[in-house]
C-alpha atoms as a PDB file:
ATOM      1  CA  MET A   1     -17.157  28.121 -14.625  1.00  0.00           C
ATOM      2  CA  ALA A   2     -20.239  29.096 -12.634  1.00  0.00           C
ATOM      3  CA  ALA A   3     -20.009  30.470  -9.109  1.00  0.00           C
ATOM      4  CA  ASN A   4     -20.239  28.020  -6.218  1.00  0.00           C
ATOM      5  CA  VAL A   5     -23.631  27.867  -4.552  1.00  0.00           C
ATOM      6  CA  LYS A   6     -24.351  27.147  -0.893  1.00  0.00           C
ATOM      7  CA  PHE A   7     -27.084  26.999   1.742  1.00  0.00           C
ATOM      8  CA  TYR A   8     -26.876  28.838   5.040  1.00  0.00           C
ATOM      9  CA  CYS A   9     -29.436  28.848   7.864  1.00  0.00           C
ATOM     10  CA  ASP A  10     -29.407  31.776  10.291  1.00  0.00           C
ATOM     11  CA  SER A  11     -30.373  30.309  13.684  1.00  0.00           C
ATOM     12  CA  GLU A  12     -31.174  33.804  14.984  1.00  0.00           C
ATOM     13  CA  ARG A  13     -33.996  34.053  12.446  1.00  0.00           C
ATOM     14  CA  CYS A  14     -35.331  30.476  12.107  1.00  0.00           C
ATOM     15  CA  ILE A  15     -38.724  30.176  13.842  1.00  0.00           C
ATOM     16  CA  GLU A  16     -39.221  26.425  13.256  1.00  0.00           C
ATOM     17  CA  CYS A  17     -42.254  26.992  11.003  1.00  0.00           C
ATOM     18  CA  ASN A  18     -41.235  24.129   8.656  1.00  0.00           C
ATOM     19  CA  ALA A  19     -42.271  26.077   5.538  1.00  0.00           C
ATOM     20  CA  CYS A  20     -38.944  25.043   3.951  1.00  0.00           C
ATOM     21  CA  VAL A  21     -39.706  21.362   4.587  1.00  0.00           C
ATOM     22  CA  THR A  22     -43.210  21.629   3.127  1.00  0.00           C
ATOM     23  CA  ALA A  23     -42.049  23.645   0.114  1.00  0.00           C
ATOM     24  CA  CYS A  24     -39.380  21.051  -0.708  1.00  0.00           C
ATOM     25  CA  LYS A  25     -41.784  18.112  -0.405  1.00  0.00           C
ATOM     26  CA  ASN A  26     -44.415  19.797  -2.584  1.00  0.00           C
ATOM     27  CA  GLU A  27     -42.075  21.176  -5.255  1.00  0.00           C
ATOM     28  CA  ASN A  28     -40.197  17.910  -5.719  1.00  0.00           C
ATOM     29  CA  GLU A  29     -42.938  15.394  -4.891  1.00  0.00           C
ATOM     30  CA  VAL A  30     -40.541  13.733  -2.476  1.00  0.00           C
ATOM     31  CA  PRO A  31     -41.472  10.093  -1.715  1.00  0.00           C
ATOM     32  CA  TRP A  32     -43.289   9.338   1.535  1.00  0.00           C
ATOM     33  CA  GLY A  33     -40.879   8.736   4.419  1.00  0.00           C
ATOM     34  CA  ILE A  34     -38.117  10.912   2.943  1.00  0.00           C
ATOM     35  CA  ASN A  35     -37.365  14.475   4.006  1.00  0.00           C
ATOM     36  CA  ARG A  36     -34.750  16.184   1.865  1.00  0.00           C
ATOM     37  CA  ARG A  37     -34.885  19.052   4.354  1.00  0.00           C
ATOM     38  CA  ARG A  38     -35.765  19.041   8.049  1.00  0.00           C
ATOM     39  CA  VAL A  39     -35.753  21.526  10.921  1.00  0.00           C
ATOM     40  CA  VAL A  40     -33.630  20.581  13.931  1.00  0.00           C
ATOM     41  CA  THR A  41     -34.148  22.319  17.286  1.00  0.00           C
ATOM     42  CA  VAL A  42     -31.429  22.399  19.937  1.00  0.00           C
ATOM     43  CA  LYS A  43     -32.252  23.042  23.627  1.00  0.00           C
ATOM     44  CA  ASP A  44     -35.969  22.766  22.852  1.00  0.00           C
ATOM     45  CA  GLY A  45     -37.991  24.735  25.417  1.00  0.00           C
ATOM     46  CA  GLU A  46     -34.884  25.881  27.297  1.00  0.00           C
ATOM     47  CA  PRO A  47     -32.987  29.184  27.384  1.00  0.00           C
ATOM     48  CA  GLY A  48     -30.784  29.437  24.318  1.00  0.00           C
ATOM     49  CA  GLU A  49     -33.155  27.402  22.115  1.00  0.00           C
ATOM     50  CA  ARG A  50     -32.140  27.515  18.454  1.00  0.00           C
ATOM     51  CA  SER A  51     -33.575  25.970  15.299  1.00  0.00           C
ATOM     52  CA  LEU A  52     -31.796  25.169  12.046  1.00  0.00           C
ATOM     53  CA  SER A  53     -33.073  24.065   8.663  1.00  0.00           C
ATOM     54  CA  VAL A  54     -30.807  21.210   7.569  1.00  0.00           C
ATOM     55  CA  ALA A  55     -30.361  19.451   4.222  1.00  0.00           C
ATOM     56  CA  CYS A  56     -27.469  18.335   2.048  1.00  0.00           C
ATOM     57  CA  MET A  57     -24.798  21.008   2.477  1.00  0.00           C
ATOM     58  CA  HIS A  58     -23.204  20.209  -0.908  1.00  0.00           C
ATOM     59  CA  CYS A  59     -19.797  19.842   0.700  1.00  0.00           C
ATOM     60  CA  THR A  60     -16.657  20.795  -1.191  1.00  0.00           C
ATOM     61  CA  ASP A  61     -15.079  17.434  -0.317  1.00  0.00           C
ATOM     62  CA  ALA A  62     -18.266  15.395   0.124  1.00  0.00           C
ATOM     63  CA  PRO A  63     -17.849  12.395   2.468  1.00  0.00           C
ATOM     64  CA  CYS A  64     -20.822  10.645   0.825  1.00  0.00           C
ATOM     65  CA  ALA A  65     -18.983  10.653  -2.503  1.00  0.00           C
ATOM     66  CA  ALA A  66     -15.762   9.460  -0.870  1.00  0.00           C
ATOM     67  CA  VAL A  67     -17.362   6.271   0.474  1.00  0.00           C
ATOM     68  CA  CYS A  68     -19.689   5.376  -2.426  1.00  0.00           C
ATOM     69  CA  PRO A  69     -18.419   2.073  -3.883  1.00  0.00           C
ATOM     70  CA  VAL A  70     -20.086   2.653  -7.276  1.00  0.00           C
ATOM     71  CA  ASP A  71     -19.302   6.389  -7.684  1.00  0.00           C
ATOM     72  CA  CYS A  72     -22.908   7.452  -8.108  1.00  0.00           C
ATOM     73  CA  PHE A  73     -22.090  10.955  -6.798  1.00  0.00           C
ATOM     74  CA  TYR A  74     -20.800  13.796  -8.924  1.00  0.00           C
ATOM     75  CA  THR A  75     -20.244  17.518  -8.366  1.00  0.00           C
ATOM     76  CA  THR A  76     -21.476  20.109 -10.847  1.00  0.00           C
ATOM     77  CA  ASP A  77     -19.410  23.093 -11.988  1.00  0.00           C
ATOM     78  CA  ASN A  78     -21.110  25.271  -9.381  1.00  0.00           C
ATOM     79  CA  GLY A  79     -20.404  22.911  -6.470  1.00  0.00           C
ATOM     80  CA  ILE A  80     -23.723  21.051  -6.215  1.00  0.00           C
ATOM     81  CA  VAL A  81     -23.329  17.417  -5.139  1.00  0.00           C
ATOM     82  CA  LEU A  82     -25.753  15.259  -7.124  1.00  0.00           C
ATOM     83  CA  HIS A  83     -26.183  11.517  -7.565  1.00  0.00           C
ATOM     84  CA  ASP A  84     -27.266   9.098 -10.251  1.00  0.00           C
ATOM     85  CA  LYS A  85     -30.109   6.852  -9.081  1.00  0.00           C
ATOM     86  CA  ASP A  86     -29.488   4.461 -11.966  1.00  0.00           C
ATOM     87  CA  ILE A  87     -26.035   3.692 -10.534  1.00  0.00           C
ATOM     88  CA  CYS A  88     -26.959   3.666  -6.804  1.00  0.00           C
ATOM     89  CA  ILE A  89     -27.069   0.152  -5.310  1.00  0.00           C
ATOM     90  CA  GLY A  90     -28.657   1.101  -1.968  1.00  0.00           C
ATOM     91  CA  CYS A  91     -25.684   0.063   0.175  1.00  0.00           C
ATOM     92  CA  GLY A  92     -26.234   2.932   2.640  1.00  0.00           C
ATOM     93  CA  TYR A  93     -22.567   3.901   3.073  1.00  0.00           C
ATOM     94  CA  CYS A  94     -23.396   7.488   2.156  1.00  0.00           C
ATOM     95  CA  SER A  95     -25.957   7.775   4.959  1.00  0.00           C
ATOM     96  CA  TYR A  96     -23.343   6.659   7.500  1.00  0.00           C
ATOM     97  CA  ALA A  97     -20.700   9.038   6.147  1.00  0.00           C
ATOM     98  CA  CYS A  98     -22.853  12.189   5.944  1.00  0.00           C
ATOM     99  CA  PRO A  99     -22.719  14.289   9.158  1.00  0.00           C
ATOM    100  CA  PHE A 100     -25.996  16.013   8.189  1.00  0.00           C
ATOM    101  CA  GLY A 101     -28.104  12.892   7.596  1.00  0.00           C
ATOM    102  CA  ALA A 102     -28.864  14.044   4.057  1.00  0.00           C
ATOM    103  CA  PRO A 103     -28.868  10.749   2.113  1.00  0.00           C
ATOM    104  CA  GLN A 104     -32.095   8.886   2.877  1.00  0.00           C
ATOM    105  CA  PHE A 105     -33.712   5.697   1.658  1.00  0.00           C
ATOM    106  CA  PRO A 106     -37.417   4.969   1.079  1.00  0.00           C
ATOM    107  CA  THR A 107     -37.298   1.819   3.215  1.00  0.00           C
ATOM    108  CA  SER A 108     -35.070   0.466   5.953  1.00  0.00           C
ATOM    109  CA  GLY A 109     -33.461  -2.889   5.527  1.00  0.00           C
ATOM    110  CA  ALA A 110     -30.385  -4.767   4.432  1.00  0.00           C
ATOM    111  CA  PHE A 111     -28.090  -4.026   1.526  1.00  0.00           C
ATOM    112  CA  ALA A 112     -29.929  -3.218  -1.722  1.00  0.00           C
ATOM    113  CA  SER A 113     -33.379  -3.799  -0.186  1.00  0.00           C
ATOM    114  CA  ARG A 114     -33.764  -0.207   1.014  1.00  0.00           C
ATOM    115  CA  GLY A 115     -34.209   1.234  -2.475  1.00  0.00           C
ATOM    116  CA  LYS A 116     -32.426   4.078  -4.264  1.00  0.00           C
ATOM    117  CA  MET A 117     -30.928   6.852  -2.171  1.00  0.00           C
ATOM    118  CA  ASP A 118     -32.596  10.269  -2.265  1.00  0.00           C
ATOM    119  CA  LYS A 119     -31.300  13.644  -1.088  1.00  0.00           C
ATOM    120  CA  CYS A 120     -31.486  17.388  -1.655  1.00  0.00           C
ATOM    121  CA  THR A 121     -30.424  18.407  -5.167  1.00  0.00           C
ATOM    122  CA  PHE A 122     -30.378  22.201  -4.533  1.00  0.00           C
ATOM    123  CA  CYS A 123     -33.312  22.085  -6.985  1.00  0.00           C
ATOM    124  CA  ALA A 124     -30.813  21.310  -9.765  1.00  0.00           C
ATOM    125  CA  GLY A 125     -32.385  18.091 -11.050  1.00  0.00           C
ATOM    126  CA  GLY A 126     -30.128  15.205 -11.944  1.00  0.00           C
ATOM    127  CA  PRO A 127     -28.251  13.498 -14.782  1.00  0.00           C
ATOM    128  CA  GLU A 128     -31.355  13.019 -16.957  1.00  0.00           C
ATOM    129  CA  GLU A 129     -32.191  15.478 -19.748  1.00  0.00           C
ATOM    130  CA  THR A 130     -32.816  18.931 -18.229  1.00  0.00           C
ATOM    131  CA  GLY A 131     -36.515  19.606 -17.783  1.00  0.00           C
ATOM    132  CA  SER A 132     -37.554  16.092 -18.833  1.00  0.00           C
ATOM    133  CA  ALA A 133     -40.288  14.038 -17.157  1.00  0.00           C
ATOM    134  CA  ASP A 134     -37.653  11.445 -16.181  1.00  0.00           C
ATOM    135  CA  GLU A 135     -35.534  14.081 -14.445  1.00  0.00           C
ATOM    136  CA  TYR A 136     -38.524  15.347 -12.459  1.00  0.00           C
ATOM    137  CA  LYS A 137     -39.711  11.842 -11.543  1.00  0.00           C
ATOM    138  CA  LYS A 138     -36.312  10.789 -10.199  1.00  0.00           C
ATOM    139  CA  TYR A 139     -34.880  14.024  -8.800  1.00  0.00           C
ATOM    140  CA  GLY A 140     -37.632  16.641  -8.607  1.00  0.00           C
ATOM    141  CA  ALA A 141     -37.713  20.172  -9.979  1.00  0.00           C
ATOM    142  CA  ASN A 142     -34.770  21.724 -11.808  1.00  0.00           C
ATOM    143  CA  ARG A 143     -35.376  25.311 -10.685  1.00  0.00           C
ATOM    144  CA  LEU A 144     -31.751  26.311 -11.268  1.00  0.00           C
ATOM    145  CA  ALA A 145     -32.168  25.635 -15.000  1.00  0.00           C
ATOM    146  CA  GLU A 146     -35.057  28.140 -14.913  1.00  0.00           C
ATOM    147  CA  GLY A 147     -32.879  30.754 -13.193  1.00  0.00           C
ATOM    148  CA  LYS A 148     -34.604  30.279  -9.825  1.00  0.00           C
ATOM    149  CA  LEU A 149     -33.301  29.508  -6.341  1.00  0.00           C
ATOM    150  CA  PRO A 150     -34.328  26.396  -4.374  1.00  0.00           C
ATOM    151  CA  LEU A 151     -37.937  26.811  -3.253  1.00  0.00           C
ATOM    152  CA  CYS A 152     -37.108  26.059   0.395  1.00  0.00           C
ATOM    153  CA  ALA A 153     -35.104  29.302   0.601  1.00  0.00           C
ATOM    154  CA  GLU A 154     -37.607  31.315  -1.409  1.00  0.00           C
ATOM    155  CA  MET A 155     -40.445  30.268   0.920  1.00  0.00           C
ATOM    156  CA  CYS A 156     -38.603  31.137   4.150  1.00  0.00           C
ATOM    157  CA  ALA A 157     -40.701  33.965   5.638  1.00  0.00           C
ATOM    158  CA  THR A 158     -37.964  35.234   7.960  1.00  0.00           C
ATOM    159  CA  LYS A 159     -35.184  34.833   5.364  1.00  0.00           C
ATOM    160  CA  ALA A 160     -33.353  32.580   7.815  1.00  0.00           C
ATOM    161  CA  LEU A 161     -32.587  30.092   5.043  1.00  0.00           C
ATOM    162  CA  LEU A 162     -30.290  31.588   2.442  1.00  0.00           C
ATOM    163  CA  ALA A 163     -29.332  29.909  -0.832  1.00  0.00           C
ATOM    164  CA  GLY A 164     -27.337  30.987  -3.848  1.00  0.00           C
ATOM    165  CA  ASP A 165     -23.875  32.219  -4.736  1.00  0.00           C
ATOM    166  CA  ALA A 166     -21.584  31.383  -1.780  1.00  0.00           C
ATOM    167  CA  ASN A 167     -19.973  34.843  -1.728  1.00  0.00           C
ATOM    168  CA  MET A 168     -23.318  36.644  -1.751  1.00  0.00           C
ATOM    169  CA  VAL A 169     -24.708  34.399   1.008  1.00  0.00           C
ATOM    170  CA  SER A 170     -21.568  35.083   3.090  1.00  0.00           C
ATOM    171  CA  ASP A 171     -21.910  38.843   2.556  1.00  0.00           C
ATOM    172  CA  ILE A 172     -25.562  38.835   3.649  1.00  0.00           C
ATOM    173  CA  TYR A 173     -24.756  36.868   6.790  1.00  0.00           C
ATOM    174  CA  ARG A 174     -21.692  39.010   7.580  1.00  0.00           C
ATOM    175  CA  LYS A 175     -23.839  42.175   7.388  1.00  0.00           C
ATOM    176  CA  ARG A 176     -26.404  40.605   9.717  1.00  0.00           C
ATOM    177  CA  VAL A 177     -23.722  39.735  12.272  1.00  0.00           C
ATOM    178  CA  VAL A 178     -22.299  43.278  12.183  1.00  0.00           C
ATOM    179  CA  SER A 179     -25.798  44.761  12.509  1.00  0.00           C
ATOM    180  CA  ARG A 180     -26.572  42.522  15.494  1.00  0.00           C
ATOM    181  CA  SER A 181     -23.253  43.462  17.125  1.00  0.00           C
ATOM    182  CA  MET A 182     -24.001  47.168  16.702  1.00  0.00           C
ATOM    183  CA  SER A 183     -27.497  46.669  18.164  1.00  0.00           C
ATOM    184  CA  THR A 184     -26.020  44.866  21.165  1.00  0.00           C
ATOM    185  CA  ILE A 185     -23.440  47.601  21.733  1.00  0.00           C
ATOM    186  CA  SER A 186     -26.102  50.325  21.442  1.00  0.00           C
ATOM    187  CA  SER A 187     -28.466  48.514  23.836  1.00  0.00           C
ATOM    188  CA  SER A 188     -25.676  47.975  26.360  1.00  0.00           C
ATOM    189  CA  ALA A 189     -24.625  51.639  26.181  1.00  0.00           C
ATOM    190  CA  ILE A 190     -28.219  52.840  26.616  1.00  0.00           C
ATOM    191  CA  GLN A 191     -28.666  50.614  29.679  1.00  0.00           C
ATOM    192  CA  LYS A 192     -25.481  52.056  31.206  1.00  0.00           C
ATOM    193  CA  GLY A 193     -26.589  55.599  30.368  1.00  0.00           C
ATOM    194  CA  GLY A 194     -23.555  56.247  28.187  1.00  0.00           C
ATOM    195  CA  PHE A 195     -25.259  56.511  24.824  1.00  0.00           C
ATOM    196  CA  ASN A 196     -27.160  59.499  23.516  1.00  0.00           C
ATOM    197  CA  PRO A 197     -29.330  58.511  20.513  1.00  0.00           C
ATOM    198  CA  GLN A 198     -29.606  62.196  19.481  1.00  0.00           C
END
């Protein structure tokens, strides 16, 4: 069984440049009106402002899958939550259940008139034949099959958006937190005159 993969966005590094959003739209030719990834800013223009790149988080116990009446969702061996557009009936339950707003529809409207749901696939394609024109048309690029990471993470200039093996992503973030803590301690000690950098 393959290792679980995850996304993580480091709010200390995200500069709200939207390169991740643009990369996703271009790589997957996402339909107009749908954003598989978006940047959310909290406390915009105020002290403590933070930005986060948000998409489907490929939850371990995905609420979208739990509420889907036709079971169009499935989870791959490495923990990626995908969906089958041929099964989707456009009911919209998944969009109400998802806390991240990941499932989106090309149009708004009543049951079945909003079209087939679309969301981030972690650049892992869909249930069609790997690398086929049908797979790309419905789900976008299958970069994982080529041994690549999702383009959104690869295009992040500040490396705020991390993607890949969950344990490796956790290790990278843990090291960043420790490094920041040490920097804070050093800065505080220097300001108090109790730290000698020599």
